[in-house]
Each structure stands twice: as structure tokens, then as C-alpha cells.
């Protein structure tokens, strides 16, 4: 009997896992859907992704803090262009480094092009950075980053903000930019205003990509 119960629980778990890695929001409600990736995804077959799943946009992590660059960004950026998939770059913000230096890192890594989507600034608490400045300092530094990057790209950036970061710093109330929420399966509701993008899953599996990807929707 114990073996039967164990098997049943294993089957339930497997079913749930399969549902989770294949789930995405209803395309009738959210027709614009896509992914974001980083070097952990390895080499990607962009033509396969486009053909098999109809990914309508892709964001690729470009830079982290003032000095780090994603090892796969240049390959992804070129591959996305060749496959004709709308592309955008992500910068991971650090509370431990000057915003001007971080903007310089992004500007020197991501070439300006008219076809690219707005740069996404990822705001979350990083384990390697214990700093927790006052809100006015953080808002000021984010604005300094945006000034430098937007002068380069010619487009207003979008802010990808975790619920924990928003709860502490209330970014949506302090900076007038479009927002990207992060919440699995249910649309995020932690901003002071409606979001433009929503990361609905962080463990979707699709052909052509090694490992799990973040699955997102975009509201135009």
C-alpha cells in the first residue's frame, strides 16, 4: 500500500511539473508573449524558437553592475537580429556600485540600433550586495542610470522590479517609467499603477533553449 501511495504522489508531482513547464498565459488575453534569457541558457537556436513557438520578443541580459557582462549577450544579440525577433537588453542594477559607472557598462556593451526594444533595468536585492541605501538615494541613482542609458538608446527604459524591491523603495511612485512585474502564474499587483510587462513564469521549457526560461507577456 505504501508503495502505491508513493507512486501516486510521484505521478501527481510529475503531472504538476509537466503542466508548469508548458504553461503560459492565455494568448487571447495576452497576444504579445516572449522570453528573457542569460548565459545560463547556453547556445540558442533562434530560428527554431521563432518557428516552433512564435516568440514575439526576447530580452537578453547584457550587463550586471559596473563591470560584469553576460558572456552570451553578443551572440544572442546577433542571433536575434538574424532571426528577425524583436530584441531588448537587460541591465541588472547593483545598490553597491555607482549608477554612472553602471550606465557606462551598458552603453559600452549594447550598441544603439533603431530596432531594439527599450532597455530593461532589473531592480532586485542581490545576495552579493548587502547595501540598503535610503529611498531618496536609490531613486536618485536609478534616475542617473536612466539619464545615461536613455541618452544612448534614444528610448525610455522599462523597470523590471521585484515585489521586495518595490515594497522597500516604492519605485513605481518615484519614477515615471513603464513597469515590468515579476510574479508566477498570477499578474503582479504590487505597483502603484498598471504594468506594461509581466514575467509569468521562470521555469518554462521550450525547444531550442537549454534549461528553463523566463516567460513574459507585454501589453502595448
N, C-alpha and C. Protein backbone atom coordinates (compact mmCIF):
# COMPACT_ATOMS: atom_id res chain seq x y z
N UNK A 1 0.84 -1.22 0.00
CA UNK A 1 0.00 0.00 0.00
C UNK A 1 0.87 1.26 0.00
N UNK A 2 1.93 1.21 0.83
CA UNK A 2 2.82 2.38 0.91
C UNK A 2 3.43 2.68 -0.45
N UNK A 3 3.83 1.61 -1.17
CA UNK A 3 4.43 1.79 -2.50
C UNK A 3 3.43 2.40 -3.47
N UNK A 4 2.15 2.00 -3.34
CA UNK A 4 1.11 2.55 -4.21
C UNK A 4 0.90 4.03 -3.96
N UNK A 5 0.90 4.44 -2.69
CA UNK A 5 0.74 5.85 -2.34
C UNK A 5 1.91 6.66 -2.86
N UNK A 6 3.11 6.11 -2.69
CA UNK A 6 4.31 6.80 -3.16
C UNK A 6 4.28 7.00 -4.67
N UNK A 7 3.85 5.97 -5.38
CA UNK A 7 3.75 6.07 -6.84
C UNK A 7 2.73 7.11 -7.25
N UNK A 8 1.60 7.11 -6.56
CA UNK A 8 0.54 8.08 -6.88
C UNK A 8 1.03 9.50 -6.67
N UNK A 9 1.74 9.73 -5.55
CA UNK A 9 2.26 11.07 -5.28
C UNK A 9 3.30 11.47 -6.32
N UNK A 10 4.11 10.48 -6.74
CA UNK A 10 5.12 10.77 -7.76
C UNK A 10 4.46 11.16 -9.08
N UNK A 11 3.39 10.47 -9.44
CA UNK A 11 2.67 10.78 -10.68
C UNK A 11 2.02 12.15 -10.62
N UNK A 12 1.47 12.47 -9.45
CA UNK A 12 0.87 13.80 -9.28
C UNK A 12 1.93 14.88 -9.42
N UNK A 13 3.09 14.64 -8.79
CA UNK A 13 4.17 15.60 -8.89
C UNK A 13 4.67 15.77 -10.31
N UNK A 14 4.79 14.66 -11.03
CA UNK A 14 5.23 14.71 -12.42
C UNK A 14 4.24 15.46 -13.29
N UNK A 15 2.96 15.21 -13.07
CA UNK A 15 1.92 15.89 -13.83
C UNK A 15 1.97 17.40 -13.59
N UNK A 16 2.13 17.77 -12.32
CA UNK A 16 2.23 19.19 -11.99
C UNK A 16 3.44 19.84 -12.62
N UNK A 17 4.55 19.13 -12.61
CA UNK A 17 5.79 19.65 -13.21
C UNK A 17 5.62 19.87 -14.71
N UNK A 18 5.03 18.88 -15.38
CA UNK A 18 4.83 18.98 -16.83
C UNK A 18 3.90 20.13 -17.18
N UNK A 19 2.87 20.30 -16.37
CA UNK A 19 1.95 21.42 -16.59
C UNK A 19 2.67 22.75 -16.41
N UNK A 20 3.50 22.83 -15.38
CA UNK A 20 4.19 24.08 -15.07
C UNK A 20 5.17 24.48 -16.16
N UNK A 21 5.95 23.53 -16.67
CA UNK A 21 6.98 23.89 -17.64
C UNK A 21 6.39 24.17 -19.02
N UNK A 22 5.13 23.81 -19.23
CA UNK A 22 4.48 24.08 -20.52
C UNK A 22 3.43 25.18 -20.44
N UNK A 23 3.15 25.67 -19.24
CA UNK A 23 2.10 26.67 -19.07
C UNK A 23 2.54 28.05 -19.55
N UNK A 24 1.59 28.78 -20.14
CA UNK A 24 1.79 30.19 -20.44
C UNK A 24 0.43 30.88 -20.39
N UNK A 25 0.40 32.19 -20.16
CA UNK A 25 -0.87 32.91 -20.12
C UNK A 25 -1.65 32.77 -21.41
N UNK A 26 -2.96 32.91 -21.31
CA UNK A 26 -3.86 32.79 -22.46
C UNK A 26 -3.50 33.82 -23.53
N UNK A 27 -3.22 33.35 -24.73
CA UNK A 27 -2.84 34.26 -25.82
C UNK A 27 -3.98 35.16 -26.26
N UNK A 28 -5.22 34.76 -25.96
CA UNK A 28 -6.34 35.63 -26.31
C UNK A 28 -6.33 36.89 -25.45
N UNK A 29 -5.89 36.76 -24.22
CA UNK A 29 -5.79 37.91 -23.33
C UNK A 29 -4.46 38.64 -23.49
N UNK A 30 -3.40 37.88 -23.80
CA UNK A 30 -2.06 38.45 -23.92
C UNK A 30 -1.41 37.94 -25.20
N UNK A 31 -1.70 38.55 -26.34
CA UNK A 31 -1.15 38.06 -27.61
C UNK A 31 0.35 38.27 -27.76
N UNK A 32 0.91 39.25 -27.07
CA UNK A 32 2.34 39.53 -27.18
C UNK A 32 3.08 38.80 -26.06
N UNK A 33 3.74 37.68 -26.39
CA UNK A 33 4.44 36.89 -25.40
C UNK A 33 5.87 36.62 -25.87
N UNK A 34 6.77 36.47 -24.90
CA UNK A 34 8.17 36.25 -25.24
C UNK A 34 8.96 35.78 -24.05
N UNK A 35 10.27 35.76 -24.19
CA UNK A 35 11.14 35.22 -23.15
C UNK A 35 12.25 36.21 -22.81
N UNK A 36 12.90 35.97 -21.67
CA UNK A 36 14.18 36.62 -21.42
C UNK A 36 15.18 35.57 -20.99
N UNK A 37 16.43 35.77 -21.42
CA UNK A 37 17.46 34.74 -21.29
C UNK A 37 18.76 35.36 -20.79
N UNK A 38 19.66 34.48 -20.36
CA UNK A 38 21.01 34.89 -19.96
C UNK A 38 21.97 33.77 -20.33
N UNK A 39 23.22 33.95 -20.03
CA UNK A 39 24.26 32.99 -20.42
C UNK A 39 24.00 31.58 -19.88
N UNK A 40 23.26 31.47 -18.81
CA UNK A 40 22.98 30.13 -18.26
C UNK A 40 22.18 29.27 -19.25
N UNK A 41 21.54 29.89 -20.23
CA UNK A 41 20.77 29.15 -21.22
C UNK A 41 21.64 28.59 -22.34
N UNK A 42 22.91 28.96 -22.36
CA UNK A 42 23.82 28.41 -23.36
C UNK A 42 23.48 28.84 -24.78
N UNK A 43 23.95 28.06 -25.75
CA UNK A 43 23.67 28.37 -27.16
C UNK A 43 22.19 28.16 -27.45
N UNK A 44 21.60 29.09 -28.21
CA UNK A 44 20.17 29.04 -28.51
C UNK A 44 19.95 29.01 -30.02
N UNK A 45 19.05 28.14 -30.45
CA UNK A 45 18.64 28.07 -31.85
C UNK A 45 17.47 29.03 -32.04
N UNK A 46 17.78 30.26 -32.42
CA UNK A 46 16.74 31.29 -32.50
C UNK A 46 15.74 31.01 -33.62
N UNK A 47 16.18 30.45 -34.72
CA UNK A 47 15.24 30.12 -35.79
C UNK A 47 14.26 29.06 -35.32
N UNK A 48 14.76 28.09 -34.55
CA UNK A 48 13.87 27.06 -34.01
C UNK A 48 12.87 27.62 -33.03
N UNK A 49 13.33 28.52 -32.17
CA UNK A 49 12.45 29.15 -31.20
C UNK A 49 11.34 29.93 -31.91
N UNK A 50 11.73 30.69 -32.91
CA UNK A 50 10.76 31.50 -33.64
C UNK A 50 9.75 30.64 -34.39
N UNK A 51 10.23 29.60 -35.03
CA UNK A 51 9.37 28.75 -35.85
C UNK A 51 8.42 27.89 -35.01
N UNK A 52 8.94 27.32 -33.94
CA UNK A 52 8.16 26.36 -33.17
C UNK A 52 7.21 27.01 -32.17
N UNK A 53 7.56 28.13 -31.63
CA UNK A 53 6.76 28.69 -30.53
C UNK A 53 6.24 30.09 -30.77
N UNK A 54 6.63 30.72 -31.89
CA UNK A 54 6.11 32.04 -32.19
C UNK A 54 6.45 33.08 -31.15
N UNK A 55 7.65 33.01 -30.58
CA UNK A 55 8.09 34.02 -29.61
C UNK A 55 8.11 35.37 -30.30
N UNK A 56 7.42 36.34 -29.73
CA UNK A 56 7.27 37.64 -30.39
C UNK A 56 8.32 38.66 -29.97
N UNK A 57 9.01 38.39 -28.87
CA UNK A 57 10.09 39.28 -28.45
C UNK A 57 11.00 38.53 -27.49
N UNK A 58 12.23 39.00 -27.38
CA UNK A 58 13.21 38.40 -26.47
C UNK A 58 14.02 39.50 -25.81
N UNK A 59 14.17 39.40 -24.51
CA UNK A 59 15.11 40.24 -23.78
C UNK A 59 16.30 39.38 -23.37
N UNK A 60 17.50 39.90 -23.56
CA UNK A 60 18.72 39.18 -23.20
C UNK A 60 19.50 40.00 -22.17
N UNK A 61 19.94 39.33 -21.11
CA UNK A 61 20.76 40.03 -20.12
C UNK A 61 22.06 40.47 -20.76
N UNK A 62 22.40 41.74 -20.58
CA UNK A 62 23.61 42.29 -21.19
C UNK A 62 24.69 42.56 -20.15
N UNK A 63 24.32 43.28 -19.09
CA UNK A 63 25.32 43.73 -18.12
C UNK A 63 24.80 43.61 -16.70
N UNK A 64 25.75 43.55 -15.77
CA UNK A 64 25.45 43.45 -14.35
C UNK A 64 26.38 44.40 -13.61
N UNK A 65 25.80 45.35 -12.89
CA UNK A 65 26.63 46.28 -12.15
C UNK A 65 27.51 47.13 -13.04
N UNK A 66 28.68 47.51 -12.51
CA UNK A 66 29.56 48.45 -13.21
C UNK A 66 30.56 47.79 -14.14
N UNK A 67 30.79 46.48 -13.97
CA UNK A 67 31.87 45.86 -14.74
C UNK A 67 31.50 44.55 -15.44
N UNK A 68 30.53 43.83 -14.95
CA UNK A 68 30.25 42.50 -15.49
C UNK A 68 29.40 42.56 -16.76
N UNK A 69 29.69 41.63 -17.66
CA UNK A 69 28.93 41.47 -18.89
C UNK A 69 28.51 40.02 -19.05
N UNK A 70 27.32 39.81 -19.58
CA UNK A 70 26.86 38.45 -19.83
C UNK A 70 27.69 37.87 -20.98
N UNK A 71 28.26 36.69 -20.74
CA UNK A 71 29.17 36.08 -21.71
C UNK A 71 28.50 35.74 -23.04
N UNK A 72 27.19 35.58 -23.05
CA UNK A 72 26.47 35.18 -24.26
C UNK A 72 25.77 36.34 -24.96
N UNK A 73 25.83 37.54 -24.38
CA UNK A 73 25.00 38.62 -24.91
C UNK A 73 25.27 38.92 -26.37
N UNK A 74 26.53 39.06 -26.74
CA UNK A 74 26.85 39.43 -28.13
C UNK A 74 26.31 38.39 -29.11
N UNK A 75 26.44 37.11 -28.77
CA UNK A 75 25.92 36.05 -29.63
C UNK A 75 24.40 36.13 -29.72
N UNK A 76 23.75 36.32 -28.59
CA UNK A 76 22.29 36.41 -28.58
C UNK A 76 21.82 37.61 -29.41
N UNK A 77 22.48 38.74 -29.20
CA UNK A 77 22.08 39.98 -29.87
C UNK A 77 22.15 39.83 -31.39
N UNK A 78 23.21 39.22 -31.85
CA UNK A 78 23.39 39.00 -33.29
C UNK A 78 22.38 37.96 -33.80
N UNK A 79 22.21 36.88 -33.06
CA UNK A 79 21.29 35.82 -33.48
C UNK A 79 19.85 36.29 -33.55
N UNK A 80 19.45 37.11 -32.60
CA UNK A 80 18.09 37.65 -32.61
C UNK A 80 17.86 38.54 -33.83
N UNK A 81 18.85 39.34 -34.16
CA UNK A 81 18.73 40.20 -35.34
C UNK A 81 18.60 39.37 -36.60
N UNK A 82 19.43 38.34 -36.71
CA UNK A 82 19.40 37.50 -37.91
C UNK A 82 18.08 36.74 -38.05
N UNK A 83 17.48 36.36 -36.91
CA UNK A 83 16.21 35.64 -36.94
C UNK A 83 15.01 36.58 -37.06
N UNK A 84 15.24 37.87 -36.95
CA UNK A 84 14.15 38.84 -37.07
C UNK A 84 13.22 38.87 -35.87
N UNK A 85 13.75 38.56 -34.70
CA UNK A 85 12.95 38.59 -33.48
C UNK A 85 13.21 39.91 -32.75
N UNK A 86 12.18 40.69 -32.42
CA UNK A 86 12.39 41.92 -31.67
C UNK A 86 13.21 41.66 -30.39
N UNK A 87 14.21 42.50 -30.14
CA UNK A 87 15.17 42.23 -29.07
C UNK A 87 15.35 43.43 -28.15
N UNK A 88 15.61 43.11 -26.90
CA UNK A 88 15.89 44.14 -25.91
C UNK A 88 16.97 43.66 -24.96
N UNK A 89 17.66 44.59 -24.33
CA UNK A 89 18.76 44.28 -23.42
C UNK A 89 18.35 44.56 -21.98
N UNK A 90 18.89 43.74 -21.07
CA UNK A 90 18.62 43.88 -19.64
C UNK A 90 19.90 44.24 -18.90
N UNK A 91 19.81 45.21 -17.99
CA UNK A 91 20.90 45.50 -17.06
C UNK A 91 20.45 45.17 -15.65
N UNK A 92 21.29 44.44 -14.91
CA UNK A 92 21.00 44.10 -13.52
C UNK A 92 21.65 45.16 -12.63
N UNK A 93 20.83 45.93 -11.94
CA UNK A 93 21.30 47.06 -11.14
C UNK A 93 21.88 46.59 -9.82
N UNK A 94 22.95 47.25 -9.39
CA UNK A 94 23.56 46.96 -8.09
C UNK A 94 23.48 48.18 -7.18
N UNK A 95 23.04 47.96 -5.94
CA UNK A 95 23.00 49.03 -4.95
C UNK A 95 24.38 49.32 -4.39
N UNK A 96 25.38 48.53 -4.76
CA UNK A 96 26.73 48.68 -4.22
C UNK A 96 27.68 49.40 -5.17
N UNK A 97 27.18 49.84 -6.32
CA UNK A 97 28.06 50.49 -7.29
C UNK A 97 27.38 51.74 -7.84
N UNK A 98 28.18 52.70 -8.26
CA UNK A 98 27.66 53.96 -8.75
C UNK A 98 26.87 53.78 -10.04
N UNK A 99 25.74 54.47 -10.11
CA UNK A 99 24.86 54.36 -11.27
C UNK A 99 25.55 54.83 -12.54
N UNK A 100 26.37 55.86 -12.46
CA UNK A 100 27.04 56.37 -13.65
C UNK A 100 27.97 55.31 -14.24
N UNK A 101 28.66 54.58 -13.38
CA UNK A 101 29.55 53.52 -13.85
C UNK A 101 28.75 52.37 -14.47
N UNK A 102 27.60 52.09 -13.88
CA UNK A 102 26.75 51.02 -14.42
C UNK A 102 26.19 51.41 -15.78
N UNK A 103 25.80 52.66 -15.92
CA UNK A 103 25.31 53.13 -17.21
C UNK A 103 26.40 53.03 -18.27
N UNK A 104 27.64 53.35 -17.88
CA UNK A 104 28.76 53.24 -18.80
C UNK A 104 28.99 51.82 -19.25
N UNK A 105 28.79 50.88 -18.35
CA UNK A 105 28.94 49.47 -18.70
C UNK A 105 27.91 49.05 -19.75
N UNK A 106 26.67 49.46 -19.54
CA UNK A 106 25.61 49.12 -20.50
C UNK A 106 25.85 49.79 -21.86
N UNK A 107 26.19 51.06 -21.83
CA UNK A 107 26.39 51.82 -23.07
C UNK A 107 27.53 51.24 -23.90
N UNK A 108 28.59 50.78 -23.23
CA UNK A 108 29.73 50.23 -23.95
C UNK A 108 29.49 48.80 -24.42
N UNK A 109 28.41 48.17 -23.94
CA UNK A 109 28.13 46.77 -24.29
C UNK A 109 27.03 46.64 -25.33
N UNK A 110 26.01 47.48 -25.23
CA UNK A 110 24.83 47.37 -26.11
C UNK A 110 24.89 48.46 -27.18
N UNK A 111 25.09 48.09 -28.43
CA UNK A 111 25.13 49.10 -29.49
C UNK A 111 23.75 49.70 -29.72
N UNK A 112 23.75 50.96 -30.07
CA UNK A 112 22.46 51.60 -30.37
C UNK A 112 21.95 51.13 -31.72
N UNK A 113 20.66 50.79 -31.77
CA UNK A 113 20.03 50.41 -33.03
C UNK A 113 18.56 50.77 -32.95
N UNK A 114 18.00 51.18 -34.08
CA UNK A 114 16.62 51.64 -34.09
C UNK A 114 15.62 50.51 -33.83
N UNK A 115 16.04 49.27 -34.09
CA UNK A 115 15.10 48.16 -33.98
C UNK A 115 14.94 47.63 -32.56
N UNK A 116 15.81 48.01 -31.64
CA UNK A 116 15.78 47.40 -30.33
C UNK A 116 14.64 47.91 -29.45
N UNK A 117 14.18 47.04 -28.56
CA UNK A 117 13.18 47.40 -27.57
C UNK A 117 13.83 48.25 -26.49
N UNK A 118 13.03 48.95 -25.68
CA UNK A 118 13.62 49.74 -24.59
C UNK A 118 14.48 48.88 -23.67
N UNK A 119 15.59 49.41 -23.22
CA UNK A 119 16.42 48.72 -22.23
C UNK A 119 15.60 48.46 -20.98
N UNK A 120 15.77 47.28 -20.40
CA UNK A 120 15.11 46.94 -19.15
C UNK A 120 16.11 47.02 -18.00
N UNK A 121 15.76 47.74 -16.96
CA UNK A 121 16.59 47.84 -15.77
C UNK A 121 16.01 46.93 -14.70
N UNK A 122 16.76 45.91 -14.31
CA UNK A 122 16.29 44.93 -13.34
C UNK A 122 16.66 45.38 -11.94
N UNK A 123 15.64 45.55 -11.10
CA UNK A 123 15.81 46.04 -9.74
C UNK A 123 15.37 44.97 -8.75
N UNK A 124 16.34 44.41 -8.06
CA UNK A 124 16.08 43.39 -7.06
C UNK A 124 17.24 43.39 -6.08
N UNK A 125 17.09 42.70 -4.97
CA UNK A 125 18.16 42.61 -4.00
C UNK A 125 19.08 41.46 -4.36
N UNK A 126 20.36 41.78 -4.55
CA UNK A 126 21.35 40.78 -4.91
C UNK A 126 22.08 40.30 -3.65
N UNK A 127 22.27 38.99 -3.56
CA UNK A 127 22.91 38.42 -2.38
C UNK A 127 24.32 38.92 -2.16
N UNK A 128 25.01 39.30 -3.23
CA UNK A 128 26.40 39.76 -3.11
C UNK A 128 26.50 41.22 -2.70
N UNK A 129 25.37 41.91 -2.59
CA UNK A 129 25.37 43.33 -2.24
C UNK A 129 24.50 43.56 -1.00
N UNK A 130 25.10 43.79 0.16
CA UNK A 130 24.32 43.99 1.39
C UNK A 130 23.80 45.41 1.57
N UNK A 131 24.22 46.34 0.73
CA UNK A 131 23.85 47.75 0.92
C UNK A 131 22.34 47.96 0.77
N UNK A 132 21.79 48.78 1.66
CA UNK A 132 20.38 49.16 1.58
C UNK A 132 20.28 50.67 1.84
N UNK A 133 20.62 51.48 0.82
CA UNK A 133 20.60 52.94 1.00
C UNK A 133 19.18 53.45 1.26
N UNK A 134 19.09 54.71 1.67
CA UNK A 134 17.79 55.35 1.85
C UNK A 134 17.10 55.49 0.50
N UNK A 135 15.76 55.61 0.55
CA UNK A 135 14.98 55.64 -0.69
C UNK A 135 15.40 56.79 -1.59
N UNK A 136 15.60 57.99 -1.06
CA UNK A 136 15.97 59.13 -1.89
C UNK A 136 17.27 58.88 -2.65
N UNK A 137 18.21 58.22 -2.00
CA UNK A 137 19.49 57.91 -2.64
C UNK A 137 19.27 56.93 -3.79
N UNK A 138 18.48 55.90 -3.54
CA UNK A 138 18.24 54.87 -4.55
C UNK A 138 17.50 55.46 -5.75
N UNK A 139 16.46 56.23 -5.50
CA UNK A 139 15.71 56.85 -6.60
C UNK A 139 16.61 57.76 -7.42
N UNK A 140 17.47 58.52 -6.73
CA UNK A 140 18.39 59.40 -7.43
C UNK A 140 19.38 58.64 -8.30
N UNK A 141 19.90 57.52 -7.78
CA UNK A 141 20.85 56.72 -8.54
C UNK A 141 20.18 56.05 -9.75
N UNK A 142 18.97 55.57 -9.56
CA UNK A 142 18.25 54.98 -10.70
C UNK A 142 18.05 56.02 -11.80
N UNK A 143 17.66 57.22 -11.39
CA UNK A 143 17.47 58.29 -12.38
C UNK A 143 18.77 58.63 -13.11
N UNK A 144 19.90 58.60 -12.40
CA UNK A 144 21.18 58.87 -13.04
C UNK A 144 21.51 57.78 -14.07
N UNK A 145 21.22 56.54 -13.71
CA UNK A 145 21.43 55.45 -14.67
C UNK A 145 20.56 55.66 -15.90
N UNK A 146 19.29 55.98 -15.69
CA UNK A 146 18.36 56.15 -16.80
C UNK A 146 18.80 57.29 -17.72
N UNK A 147 19.27 58.37 -17.16
CA UNK A 147 19.72 59.50 -17.97
C UNK A 147 20.84 59.09 -18.92
N UNK A 148 21.82 58.36 -18.38
CA UNK A 148 22.95 57.95 -19.21
C UNK A 148 22.56 56.95 -20.29
N UNK A 149 21.74 55.99 -19.94
CA UNK A 149 21.36 54.94 -20.88
C UNK A 149 20.39 55.45 -21.94
N UNK A 150 19.41 56.23 -21.53
CA UNK A 150 18.41 56.73 -22.47
C UNK A 150 19.00 57.72 -23.47
N UNK A 151 20.04 58.44 -23.05
CA UNK A 151 20.73 59.33 -24.00
C UNK A 151 21.40 58.51 -25.09
N UNK A 152 21.81 57.29 -24.74
CA UNK A 152 22.46 56.40 -25.72
C UNK A 152 21.46 55.72 -26.62
N UNK A 153 20.38 55.19 -26.05
CA UNK A 153 19.42 54.41 -26.85
C UNK A 153 18.37 55.27 -27.52
N UNK A 154 18.10 56.45 -26.96
CA UNK A 154 17.06 57.31 -27.51
C UNK A 154 15.65 56.87 -27.16
N UNK A 155 15.53 55.94 -26.19
CA UNK A 155 14.21 55.42 -25.79
C UNK A 155 14.11 55.35 -24.27
N UNK A 156 12.93 55.66 -23.71
CA UNK A 156 12.74 55.48 -22.27
C UNK A 156 12.88 54.01 -21.89
N UNK A 157 13.57 53.74 -20.80
CA UNK A 157 13.75 52.37 -20.34
C UNK A 157 12.49 51.85 -19.65
N UNK A 158 12.47 50.54 -19.42
CA UNK A 158 11.40 49.92 -18.65
C UNK A 158 12.02 49.35 -17.38
N UNK A 159 11.30 49.40 -16.28
CA UNK A 159 11.83 48.97 -14.98
C UNK A 159 11.26 47.61 -14.60
N UNK A 160 12.12 46.61 -14.52
CA UNK A 160 11.72 45.28 -14.07
C UNK A 160 12.00 45.20 -12.57
N UNK A 161 10.95 45.29 -11.77
CA UNK A 161 11.10 45.48 -10.32
C UNK A 161 10.49 44.31 -9.57
N UNK A 162 11.26 43.71 -8.66
CA UNK A 162 10.72 42.63 -7.83
C UNK A 162 9.77 43.22 -6.79
N UNK A 163 8.90 42.39 -6.27
CA UNK A 163 7.95 42.86 -5.25
C UNK A 163 8.68 43.31 -4.00
N UNK A 164 9.77 42.63 -3.62
CA UNK A 164 10.53 43.01 -2.43
C UNK A 164 11.17 44.38 -2.60
N UNK A 165 11.74 44.63 -3.78
CA UNK A 165 12.38 45.92 -4.04
C UNK A 165 11.35 47.03 -4.08
N UNK A 166 10.21 46.76 -4.70
CA UNK A 166 9.13 47.75 -4.76
C UNK A 166 8.58 48.05 -3.37
N UNK A 167 8.45 47.02 -2.56
CA UNK A 167 7.92 47.21 -1.20
C UNK A 167 8.82 48.13 -0.39
N UNK A 168 10.13 48.01 -0.56
CA UNK A 168 11.05 48.83 0.22
C UNK A 168 11.23 50.23 -0.35
N UNK A 169 11.31 50.34 -1.68
CA UNK A 169 11.68 51.63 -2.27
C UNK A 169 10.57 52.32 -3.06
N UNK A 170 9.44 51.69 -3.27
CA UNK A 170 8.30 52.30 -3.94
C UNK A 170 8.74 53.00 -5.25
N UNK A 171 9.42 52.24 -6.06
CA UNK A 171 9.97 52.77 -7.31
C UNK A 171 8.87 53.27 -8.23
N UNK A 172 7.76 52.56 -8.31
CA UNK A 172 6.69 52.93 -9.24
C UNK A 172 6.09 54.28 -8.92
N UNK A 173 6.19 54.69 -7.66
CA UNK A 173 5.67 56.01 -7.28
C UNK A 173 6.71 57.11 -7.45
N UNK A 174 7.97 56.73 -7.54
CA UNK A 174 9.04 57.72 -7.58
C UNK A 174 9.62 57.98 -8.95
N UNK A 175 9.41 57.06 -9.89
CA UNK A 175 9.99 57.20 -11.23
C UNK A 175 8.93 56.92 -12.28
N UNK A 176 8.77 57.82 -13.20
CA UNK A 176 7.73 57.68 -14.23
C UNK A 176 8.27 56.94 -15.45
N UNK A 177 8.25 55.62 -15.35
CA UNK A 177 8.63 54.77 -16.47
C UNK A 177 7.66 53.58 -16.53
N UNK A 178 7.64 52.90 -17.66
CA UNK A 178 6.83 51.69 -17.75
C UNK A 178 7.42 50.62 -16.85
N UNK A 179 6.55 49.70 -16.41
CA UNK A 179 6.94 48.74 -15.38
C UNK A 179 6.78 47.29 -15.86
N UNK A 180 7.64 46.44 -15.32
CA UNK A 180 7.66 45.02 -15.63
C UNK A 180 7.55 44.28 -14.31
N UNK A 181 6.46 43.60 -14.08
CA UNK A 181 6.23 42.91 -12.81
C UNK A 181 6.72 41.47 -12.88
N UNK A 182 6.98 40.91 -11.72
CA UNK A 182 7.50 39.54 -11.62
C UNK A 182 6.66 38.77 -10.60
N UNK A 183 5.85 37.86 -11.10
CA UNK A 183 5.02 37.04 -10.21
C UNK A 183 4.52 35.82 -10.96
N UNK A 184 4.80 34.64 -10.43
CA UNK A 184 4.47 33.40 -11.12
C UNK A 184 2.96 33.17 -11.19
N UNK A 185 2.48 32.90 -12.39
CA UNK A 185 1.12 32.44 -12.68
C UNK A 185 0.02 33.50 -12.54
N UNK A 186 0.17 34.44 -11.62
CA UNK A 186 -0.86 35.46 -11.43
C UNK A 186 -0.25 36.84 -11.66
N UNK A 187 -0.93 37.70 -12.42
CA UNK A 187 -0.38 39.03 -12.72
C UNK A 187 -0.03 39.80 -11.45
N UNK A 188 1.15 40.40 -11.46
CA UNK A 188 1.59 41.18 -10.31
C UNK A 188 0.68 42.37 -10.06
N UNK A 189 0.44 42.67 -8.79
CA UNK A 189 -0.44 43.78 -8.43
C UNK A 189 0.19 44.65 -7.35
N UNK A 190 1.51 44.73 -7.33
CA UNK A 190 2.18 45.44 -6.24
C UNK A 190 2.68 46.84 -6.61
N UNK A 191 2.38 47.30 -7.82
CA UNK A 191 2.78 48.64 -8.22
C UNK A 191 1.67 49.65 -7.92
N UNK A 192 2.04 50.93 -7.97
CA UNK A 192 1.06 51.99 -7.79
C UNK A 192 0.27 52.29 -9.06
N UNK A 193 0.66 51.65 -10.17
CA UNK A 193 0.00 51.88 -11.45
C UNK A 193 0.10 50.60 -12.28
N UNK A 194 -0.62 50.50 -13.38
CA UNK A 194 -0.61 49.27 -14.18
C UNK A 194 0.77 48.98 -14.77
N UNK A 195 1.08 47.69 -14.89
CA UNK A 195 2.34 47.30 -15.51
C UNK A 195 2.16 47.18 -17.03
N UNK A 196 3.30 47.22 -17.73
CA UNK A 196 3.33 47.04 -19.19
C UNK A 196 3.78 45.64 -19.55
N UNK A 197 4.64 45.03 -18.70
CA UNK A 197 5.10 43.67 -18.91
C UNK A 197 4.95 42.87 -17.62
N UNK A 198 4.85 41.56 -17.80
CA UNK A 198 4.67 40.65 -16.66
C UNK A 198 5.45 39.37 -16.90
N UNK A 199 6.38 39.06 -15.98
CA UNK A 199 7.06 37.76 -16.02
C UNK A 199 6.15 36.77 -15.32
N UNK A 200 5.55 35.89 -16.09
CA UNK A 200 4.53 34.98 -15.57
C UNK A 200 5.10 33.65 -15.11
N UNK A 201 6.30 33.31 -15.58
CA UNK A 201 6.90 32.04 -15.20
C UNK A 201 8.42 32.15 -15.33
N UNK A 202 9.14 31.42 -14.47
CA UNK A 202 10.60 31.40 -14.55
C UNK A 202 11.12 30.01 -14.89
N UNK A 203 10.21 29.09 -15.19
CA UNK A 203 10.66 27.71 -15.45
C UNK A 203 9.94 27.07 -16.64
N UNK A 204 9.66 27.89 -17.65
CA UNK A 204 9.08 27.30 -18.86
C UNK A 204 10.19 26.67 -19.69
N UNK A 205 9.88 25.55 -20.31
CA UNK A 205 10.83 24.86 -21.18
C UNK A 205 10.34 24.96 -22.61
N UNK A 206 11.25 25.33 -23.52
CA UNK A 206 10.90 25.37 -24.93
C UNK A 206 12.04 24.78 -25.74
N UNK A 207 11.71 24.24 -26.88
CA UNK A 207 12.70 23.65 -27.76
C UNK A 207 13.64 24.73 -28.29
N UNK A 208 14.91 24.38 -28.38
CA UNK A 208 15.88 25.33 -28.89
C UNK A 208 16.64 26.05 -27.81
N UNK A 209 16.18 25.95 -26.55
CA UNK A 209 16.83 26.63 -25.43
C UNK A 209 17.17 25.60 -24.36
N UNK A 210 18.41 25.63 -23.90
CA UNK A 210 18.83 24.73 -22.83
C UNK A 210 18.36 25.28 -21.49
N UNK A 211 17.71 24.45 -20.71
CA UNK A 211 17.25 24.88 -19.40
C UNK A 211 15.96 25.66 -19.47
N UNK A 212 15.60 26.22 -18.35
CA UNK A 212 14.33 26.93 -18.24
C UNK A 212 14.50 28.41 -18.59
N UNK A 213 13.43 29.00 -19.08
CA UNK A 213 13.46 30.42 -19.45
C UNK A 213 12.36 31.18 -18.70
N UNK A 214 12.58 32.46 -18.57
CA UNK A 214 11.52 33.32 -18.04
C UNK A 214 10.54 33.61 -19.17
N UNK A 215 9.26 33.40 -18.87
CA UNK A 215 8.21 33.65 -19.88
C UNK A 215 7.47 34.92 -19.51
N UNK A 216 7.32 35.81 -20.49
CA UNK A 216 6.75 37.13 -20.24
C UNK A 216 5.63 37.47 -21.21
N UNK A 217 4.79 38.39 -20.78
CA UNK A 217 3.80 38.97 -21.68
C UNK A 217 3.99 40.48 -21.71
N UNK A 218 3.56 41.07 -22.80
CA UNK A 218 3.69 42.52 -22.99
C UNK A 218 2.34 43.10 -23.37
N UNK A 219 1.99 44.19 -22.74
CA UNK A 219 0.74 44.89 -23.06
C UNK A 219 1.12 46.18 -23.76
N UNK A 220 0.65 46.35 -24.98
CA UNK A 220 1.00 47.57 -25.74
C UNK A 220 -0.02 48.68 -25.49
